[in-house]
C-alpha atoms as a PDB file:
ATOM      1  CA  MET A   1       0.000   0.000   0.000  1.00  0.00           C
ATOM      2  CA  SER A   2       1.356   3.409  -0.906  1.00  0.00           C
ATOM      3  CA  GLU A   3       1.906   6.095   1.673  1.00  0.00           C
ATOM      4  CA  SER A   4      -1.004   8.512   1.795  1.00  0.00           C
ATOM      5  CA  THR A   5      -0.359  12.236   1.927  1.00  0.00           C
ATOM      6  CA  GLU A   6      -4.030  13.067   2.407  1.00  0.00           C
ATOM      7  CA  GLU A   7      -4.924  15.022   5.501  1.00  0.00           C
ATOM      8  CA  PRO A   8      -7.983  13.439   7.084  1.00  0.00           C
ATOM      9  CA  GLY A   9     -10.950  15.532   8.166  1.00  0.00           C
ATOM     10  CA  PRO A  10     -11.687  16.191  11.854  1.00  0.00           C
ATOM     11  CA  HIS A  11     -12.917  12.657  12.576  1.00  0.00           C
ATOM     12  CA  GLU A  12     -12.062  10.975   9.331  1.00  0.00           C
ATOM     13  CA  PRO A  13      -9.343   8.336   9.117  1.00  0.00           C
ATOM     14  CA  SER A  14      -6.672   8.732   6.479  1.00  0.00           C
ATOM     15  CA  LEU A  15      -7.224   6.833   3.245  1.00  0.00           C
ATOM     16  CA  ASP A  16      -4.651   4.234   4.296  1.00  0.00           C
ATOM     17  CA  GLU A  17      -6.320   3.819   7.706  1.00  0.00           C
ATOM     18  CA  GLN A  18      -9.719   3.395   6.065  1.00  0.00           C
ATOM     19  CA  ILE A  19      -8.423   0.756   3.655  1.00  0.00           C
ATOM     20  CA  ALA A  20      -6.621  -1.076   6.472  1.00  0.00           C
ATOM     21  CA  ALA A  21      -9.843  -1.163   8.505  1.00  0.00           C
ATOM     22  CA  TYR A  22     -11.776  -2.483   5.495  1.00  0.00           C
ATOM     23  CA  GLN A  23      -9.124  -5.146   4.939  1.00  0.00           C
ATOM     24  CA  ARG A  24      -9.237  -6.131   8.619  1.00  0.00           C
ATOM     25  CA  GLU A  25     -13.006  -6.654   8.399  1.00  0.00           C
ATOM     26  CA  PHE A  26     -13.163  -8.019   4.849  1.00  0.00           C
ATOM     27  CA  ARG A  27     -10.174 -10.203   4.008  1.00  0.00           C
ATOM     28  CA  ASP A  28     -11.096 -10.599   0.307  1.00  0.00           C
ATOM     29  CA  LEU A  29     -10.539  -6.905  -0.340  1.00  0.00           C
ATOM     30  CA  ASP A  30      -8.514  -6.012  -3.420  1.00  0.00           C
ATOM     31  CA  LEU A  31      -6.257  -3.229  -2.091  1.00  0.00           C
ATOM     32  CA  GLN A  32      -5.619  -1.642  -5.481  1.00  0.00           C
ATOM     33  CA  VAL A  33      -9.307  -1.499  -6.336  1.00  0.00           C
ATOM     34  CA  GLU A  34     -10.198  -0.124  -2.913  1.00  0.00           C
ATOM     35  CA  GLN A  35      -7.498   2.532  -3.097  1.00  0.00           C
ATOM     36  CA  VAL A  36      -8.779   3.749  -6.486  1.00  0.00           C
ATOM     37  CA  VAL A  37     -12.451   3.691  -5.510  1.00  0.00           C
ATOM     38  CA  SER A  38     -11.944   5.244  -2.070  1.00  0.00           C
ATOM     39  CA  ALA A  39      -9.671   7.969  -3.456  1.00  0.00           C
ATOM     40  CA  LEU A  40     -12.202   8.784  -6.200  1.00  0.00           C
ATOM     41  CA  GLY A  41     -14.989   8.960  -3.619  1.00  0.00           C
ATOM     42  CA  ARG A  42     -13.058  11.292  -1.349  1.00  0.00           C
ATOM     43  CA  LEU A  43     -11.891  13.424  -4.249  1.00  0.00           C
ATOM     44  CA  ASN A  44     -15.464  13.755  -5.519  1.00  0.00           C
ATOM     45  CA  ARG A  45     -16.753  14.734  -2.074  1.00  0.00           C
ATOM     46  CA  ARG A  46     -14.042  17.349  -1.545  1.00  0.00           C
ATOM     47  CA  MET A  47     -14.468  18.769  -5.027  1.00  0.00           C
ATOM     48  CA  ASN A  48     -18.217  19.098  -4.448  1.00  0.00           C
ATOM     49  CA  VAL A  49     -17.542  21.001  -1.205  1.00  0.00           C
ATOM     50  CA  ALA A  50     -15.091  23.317  -2.992  1.00  0.00           C
ATOM     51  CA  TYR A  51     -17.541  23.966  -5.829  1.00  0.00           C
ATOM     52  CA  GLY A  52     -20.335  24.559  -3.312  1.00  0.00           C
ATOM     53  CA  ARG A  53     -18.232  27.173  -1.521  1.00  0.00           C
ATOM     54  CA  GLN A  54     -17.485  28.916  -4.811  1.00  0.00           C
ATOM     55  CA  LEU A  55     -21.164  28.996  -5.735  1.00  0.00           C
ATOM     56  CA  ALA A  56     -22.080  30.326  -2.291  1.00  0.00           C
ATOM     57  CA  ALA A  57     -19.538  33.121  -2.752  1.00  0.00           C
ATOM     58  CA  LEU A  58     -21.422  34.037  -5.941  1.00  0.00           C
ATOM     59  CA  GLY A  59     -24.748  33.957  -4.117  1.00  0.00           C
ATOM     60  CA  ILE A  60     -26.150  30.928  -5.921  1.00  0.00           C
ATOM     61  CA  SER A  61     -26.917  27.410  -4.761  1.00  0.00           C
ATOM     62  CA  ASN A  62     -25.847  24.142  -6.349  1.00  0.00           C
ATOM     63  CA  ALA A  63     -29.482  23.625  -7.398  1.00  0.00           C
ATOM     64  CA  GLU A  64     -29.472  26.984  -9.171  1.00  0.00           C
ATOM     65  CA  TRP A  65     -26.128  26.174 -10.797  1.00  0.00           C
ATOM     66  CA  GLU A  66     -27.640  22.973 -12.206  1.00  0.00           C
ATOM     67  CA  VAL A  67     -30.422  24.970 -13.887  1.00  0.00           C
ATOM     68  CA  LEU A  68     -27.978  27.564 -15.257  1.00  0.00           C
ATOM     69  CA  LYS A  69     -25.725  24.804 -16.584  1.00  0.00           C
ATOM     70  CA  THR A  70     -28.635  22.961 -18.189  1.00  0.00           C
ATOM     71  CA  LEU A  71     -29.813  26.106 -19.970  1.00  0.00           C
ATOM     72  CA  VAL A  72     -26.273  26.829 -21.214  1.00  0.00           C
ATOM     73  CA  LEU A  73     -25.916  23.233 -22.429  1.00  0.00           C
ATOM     74  CA  ALA A  74     -29.172  23.660 -24.387  1.00  0.00           C
ATOM     75  CA  GLY A  75     -27.348  26.304 -26.437  1.00  0.00           C
ATOM     76  CA  ALA A  76     -28.322  29.787 -27.513  1.00  0.00           C
ATOM     77  CA  PRO A  77     -30.826  31.278 -26.900  1.00  0.00           C
ATOM     78  CA  TYR A  78     -30.578  29.271 -23.615  1.00  0.00           C
ATOM     79  CA  ARG A  79     -34.264  28.414 -23.383  1.00  0.00           C
ATOM     80  CA  LEU A  80     -36.181  25.301 -22.344  1.00  0.00           C
ATOM     81  CA  GLY A  81     -39.654  24.489 -21.175  1.00  0.00           C
ATOM     82  CA  PRO A  82     -39.969  23.748 -17.449  1.00  0.00           C
ATOM     83  CA  GLY A  83     -40.969  20.148 -18.213  1.00  0.00           C
ATOM     84  CA  GLU A  84     -37.824  19.579 -20.270  1.00  0.00           C
ATOM     85  CA  LEU A  85     -35.710  21.233 -17.577  1.00  0.00           C
ATOM     86  CA  ALA A  86     -37.281  18.969 -14.937  1.00  0.00           C
ATOM     87  CA  LYS A  87     -36.643  15.895 -17.078  1.00  0.00           C
ATOM     88  CA  ARG A  88     -32.994  16.796 -17.718  1.00  0.00           C
ATOM     89  CA  LEU A  89     -32.413  17.456 -14.011  1.00  0.00           C
ATOM     90  CA  GLY A  90     -34.339  14.436 -12.756  1.00  0.00           C
ATOM     91  CA  LEU A  91     -36.806  16.597 -10.821  1.00  0.00           C
ATOM     92  CA  THR A  92     -40.549  16.537 -10.374  1.00  0.00           C
ATOM     93  CA  PRO A  93     -42.471  19.305 -12.137  1.00  0.00           C
ATOM     94  CA  ALA A  94     -43.402  20.781  -8.743  1.00  0.00           C
ATOM     95  CA  ALA A  95     -39.759  20.892  -7.628  1.00  0.00           C
ATOM     96  CA  MET A  96     -38.794  22.488 -10.935  1.00  0.00           C
ATOM     97  CA  THR A  97     -41.533  25.116 -10.576  1.00  0.00           C
ATOM     98  CA  HIS A  98     -40.291  25.997  -7.095  1.00  0.00           C
ATOM     99  CA  ARG A  99     -36.696  26.275  -8.325  1.00  0.00           C
ATOM    100  CA  VAL A 100     -37.639  28.408 -11.348  1.00  0.00           C
ATOM    101  CA  ASP A 101     -39.817  30.678  -9.174  1.00  0.00           C
ATOM    102  CA  ARG A 102     -36.879  31.328  -6.859  1.00  0.00           C
ATOM    103  CA  MET A 103     -34.445  31.891  -9.711  1.00  0.00           C
ATOM    104  CA  ALA A 104     -36.819  34.212 -11.555  1.00  0.00           C
ATOM    105  CA  GLY A 105     -37.135  36.234  -8.352  1.00  0.00           C
ATOM    106  CA  GLU A 106     -33.333  36.495  -8.234  1.00  0.00           C
ATOM    107  CA  GLY A 107     -33.154  37.629 -11.863  1.00  0.00           C
ATOM    108  CA  LEU A 108     -31.247  34.544 -13.043  1.00  0.00           C
ATOM    109  CA  VAL A 109     -33.965  33.325 -15.432  1.00  0.00           C
ATOM    110  CA  THR A 110     -37.199  34.574 -16.921  1.00  0.00           C
ATOM    111  CA  ARG A 111     -40.357  32.589 -17.362  1.00  0.00           C
ATOM    112  CA  ASP A 112     -42.583  33.730 -20.224  1.00  0.00           C
ATOM    113  CA  ARG A 113     -45.251  32.332 -22.499  1.00  0.00           C
ATOM    114  CA  ASP A 114     -44.024  30.866 -25.768  1.00  0.00           C
ATOM    115  CA  GLU A 115     -44.810  33.341 -28.569  1.00  0.00           C
ATOM    116  CA  ASN A 116     -45.782  30.457 -30.881  1.00  0.00           C
ATOM    117  CA  ASN A 117     -47.838  28.529 -28.319  1.00  0.00           C
ATOM    118  CA  ARG A 118     -49.386  30.673 -25.574  1.00  0.00           C
ATOM    119  CA  VAL A 119     -50.084  27.574 -23.436  1.00  0.00           C
ATOM    120  CA  ARG A 120     -46.398  26.673 -23.291  1.00  0.00           C
ATOM    121  CA  VAL A 121     -44.036  28.362 -20.823  1.00  0.00           C
ATOM    122  CA  ILE A 122     -40.367  28.985 -21.632  1.00  0.00           C
ATOM    123  CA  VAL A 123     -37.593  29.399 -19.066  1.00  0.00           C
ATOM    124  CA  GLU A 124     -34.748  31.521 -20.404  1.00  0.00           C
ATOM    125  CA  LEU A 125     -31.349  32.437 -19.020  1.00  0.00           C
ATOM    126  CA  THR A 126     -30.998  36.161 -18.270  1.00  0.00           C
ATOM    127  CA  ASP A 127     -27.850  38.225 -18.714  1.00  0.00           C
ATOM    128  CA  GLU A 128     -27.442  38.064 -14.916  1.00  0.00           C
ATOM    129  CA  GLY A 129     -27.806  34.266 -14.992  1.00  0.00           C
ATOM    130  CA  ARG A 130     -25.232  33.953 -17.756  1.00  0.00           C
ATOM    131  CA  THR A 131     -22.873  36.267 -15.859  1.00  0.00           C
ATOM    132  CA  LYS A 132     -23.193  34.056 -12.747  1.00  0.00           C
ATOM    133  CA  TRP A 133     -22.565  30.971 -14.862  1.00  0.00           C
ATOM    134  CA  LEU A 134     -19.434  32.529 -16.392  1.00  0.00           C
ATOM    135  CA  GLU A 135     -18.141  33.638 -12.970  1.00  0.00           C
ATOM    136  CA  ALA A 136     -18.671  30.136 -11.602  1.00  0.00           C
ATOM    137  CA  MET A 137     -16.850  28.653 -14.599  1.00  0.00           C
ATOM    138  CA  ARG A 138     -13.892  31.012 -14.087  1.00  0.00           C
ATOM    139  CA  MET A 139     -13.664  30.067 -10.409  1.00  0.00           C
ATOM    140  CA  ALA A 140     -13.960  26.354 -11.212  1.00  0.00           C
ATOM    141  CA  THR A 141     -11.278  26.601 -13.895  1.00  0.00           C
ATOM    142  CA  ASP A 142      -8.842  28.193 -11.436  1.00  0.00           C
ATOM    143  CA  PHE A 143      -9.618  25.499  -8.846  1.00  0.00           C
ATOM    144  CA  GLU A 144      -9.256  22.696 -11.386  1.00  0.00           C
ATOM    145  CA  GLU A 145      -5.960  24.032 -12.747  1.00  0.00           C
ATOM    146  CA  ASP A 146      -4.643  24.189  -9.178  1.00  0.00           C
ATOM    147  CA  LEU A 147      -5.921  20.669  -8.506  1.00  0.00           C
ATOM    148  CA  LEU A 148      -4.030  19.249 -11.482  1.00  0.00           C
ATOM    149  CA  GLN A 149      -0.904  21.409 -11.225  1.00  0.00           C
ATOM    150  CA  ASP A 150       1.346  18.502 -10.199  1.00  0.00           C
ATOM    151  CA  LEU A 151       0.425  16.446 -13.275  1.00  0.00           C
ATOM    152  CA  SER A 152       2.159  16.867 -16.617  1.00  0.00           C
ATOM    153  CA  GLY A 153       0.137  17.284 -19.774  1.00  0.00           C
ATOM    154  CA  ASP A 154       0.728  13.628 -20.615  1.00  0.00           C
ATOM    155  CA  GLU A 155      -0.337  12.521 -17.132  1.00  0.00           C
ATOM    156  CA  ARG A 156      -3.502  14.614 -17.385  1.00  0.00           C
ATOM    157  CA  GLY A 157      -4.258  12.990 -20.724  1.00  0.00           C
ATOM    158  CA  VAL A 158      -3.752   9.470 -19.359  1.00  0.00           C
ATOM    159  CA  LEU A 159      -5.780  10.214 -16.225  1.00  0.00           C
ATOM    160  CA  GLY A 160      -8.581  11.683 -18.326  1.00  0.00           C
ATOM    161  CA  GLU A 161      -8.644   8.621 -20.598  1.00  0.00           C
ATOM    162  CA  LEU A 162      -8.681   6.225 -17.650  1.00  0.00           C
ATOM    163  CA  LEU A 163     -11.495   8.083 -15.883  1.00  0.00           C
ATOM    164  CA  VAL A 164     -13.556   8.181 -19.080  1.00  0.00           C
ATOM    165  CA  ARG A 165     -13.091   4.402 -19.426  1.00  0.00           C
ATOM    166  CA  LEU A 166     -14.356   3.921 -15.871  1.00  0.00           C
ATOM    167  CA  LEU A 167     -17.266   6.276 -16.509  1.00  0.00           C
ATOM    168  CA  ARG A 168     -18.249   4.412 -19.678  1.00  0.00           C
ATOM    169  CA  ARG A 169     -18.236   1.106 -17.816  1.00  0.00           C
ATOM    170  CA  VAL A 170     -20.525   2.493 -15.117  1.00  0.00           C
ATOM    171  CA  GLU A 171     -22.786   4.142 -17.699  1.00  0.00           C
ATOM    172  CA  HIS A 172     -23.033   0.856 -19.587  1.00  0.00           C
ATOM    173  CA  ALA A 173     -23.824  -1.116 -16.430  1.00  0.00           C
ATOM    174  CA  GLN A 174     -26.189   1.552 -15.017  1.00  0.00           C
ATOM    175  CA  PRO A 175     -27.639   3.387 -18.057  1.00  0.00           C
ATOM    176  CA  ASP A 176     -30.542   4.806 -16.042  1.00  0.00           C
ATOM    177  CA  ALA A 177     -28.363   6.238 -13.259  1.00  0.00           C
ATOM    178  CA  GLY A 178     -27.679   9.685 -14.681  1.00  0.00           C
ATOM    179  CA  GLY A 179     -26.865  11.255 -11.352  1.00  0.00           C
ATOM    180  CA  ARG A 180     -30.179  11.194  -9.521  1.00  0.00           C
ATOM    181  CA  LEU A 181     -30.743   8.606  -6.838  1.00  0.00           C
ATOM    182  CA  THR A 182     -34.538   8.649  -6.686  1.00  0.00           C
ATOM    183  CA  ASP A 183     -34.687   4.930  -7.372  1.00  0.00           C
ATOM    184  CA  LEU A 184     -32.733   4.317  -4.164  1.00  0.00           C
ATOM    185  CA  ASP A 185     -35.482   5.979  -2.127  1.00  0.00           C
ATOM    186  CA  ARG A 186     -37.934   3.240  -3.036  1.00  0.00           C
ATOM    187  CA  ARG A 187     -38.127   0.027  -1.079  1.00  0.00           C
ATOM    188  CA  PRO A 188     -37.926  -3.244  -2.977  1.00  0.00           C
ATOM    189  CA  GLN A 189     -41.275  -4.894  -3.535  1.00  0.00           C
ATOM    190  CA  GLY A 190     -42.316  -7.031  -0.628  1.00  0.00           C
ATOM    191  CA  GLU A 191     -40.741  -4.777   1.987  1.00  0.00           C
ATOM    192  CA  GLY A 192     -43.074  -2.698   3.891  1.00  0.00           C
END
């Protein structure tokens, strides 16, 4: 097992201590696999905290960021119906309505009737929303460059390729698990 340089959290064991405890309790543990998976899990958690802090500094929540990002990914003119937004984010229509209401009140999006179909509502990114998105991207880019500063260009390329291979395997095995865990909230049939 390699020496870990990670500083544990207040009550969190180091990565090596965690893996040693797992191995003590589960002798069939593959140490290499556990090191990769545990490191990825910790890295993901810490990156999410860092991104959350950056968003908070901009005065937006992670939930709001997800809407901004989804509208930007839709492409100019950065417009989607609330139903399509809800579908892409894995939310209920009611949850999407609540989120859009809040964001419209903050000036990040507008919600207007479709000019071609007065029954249909369109959610559109505002200049303020796009500005927040760009500021968040700038902050994330700085953080990500700092995160990868110790890796050469070749190492970054190899790491990227390896992570994409892992992602593809998970996506193939779990094609319906696009990031939302709503299916985990349901009990298996027969449990009550």
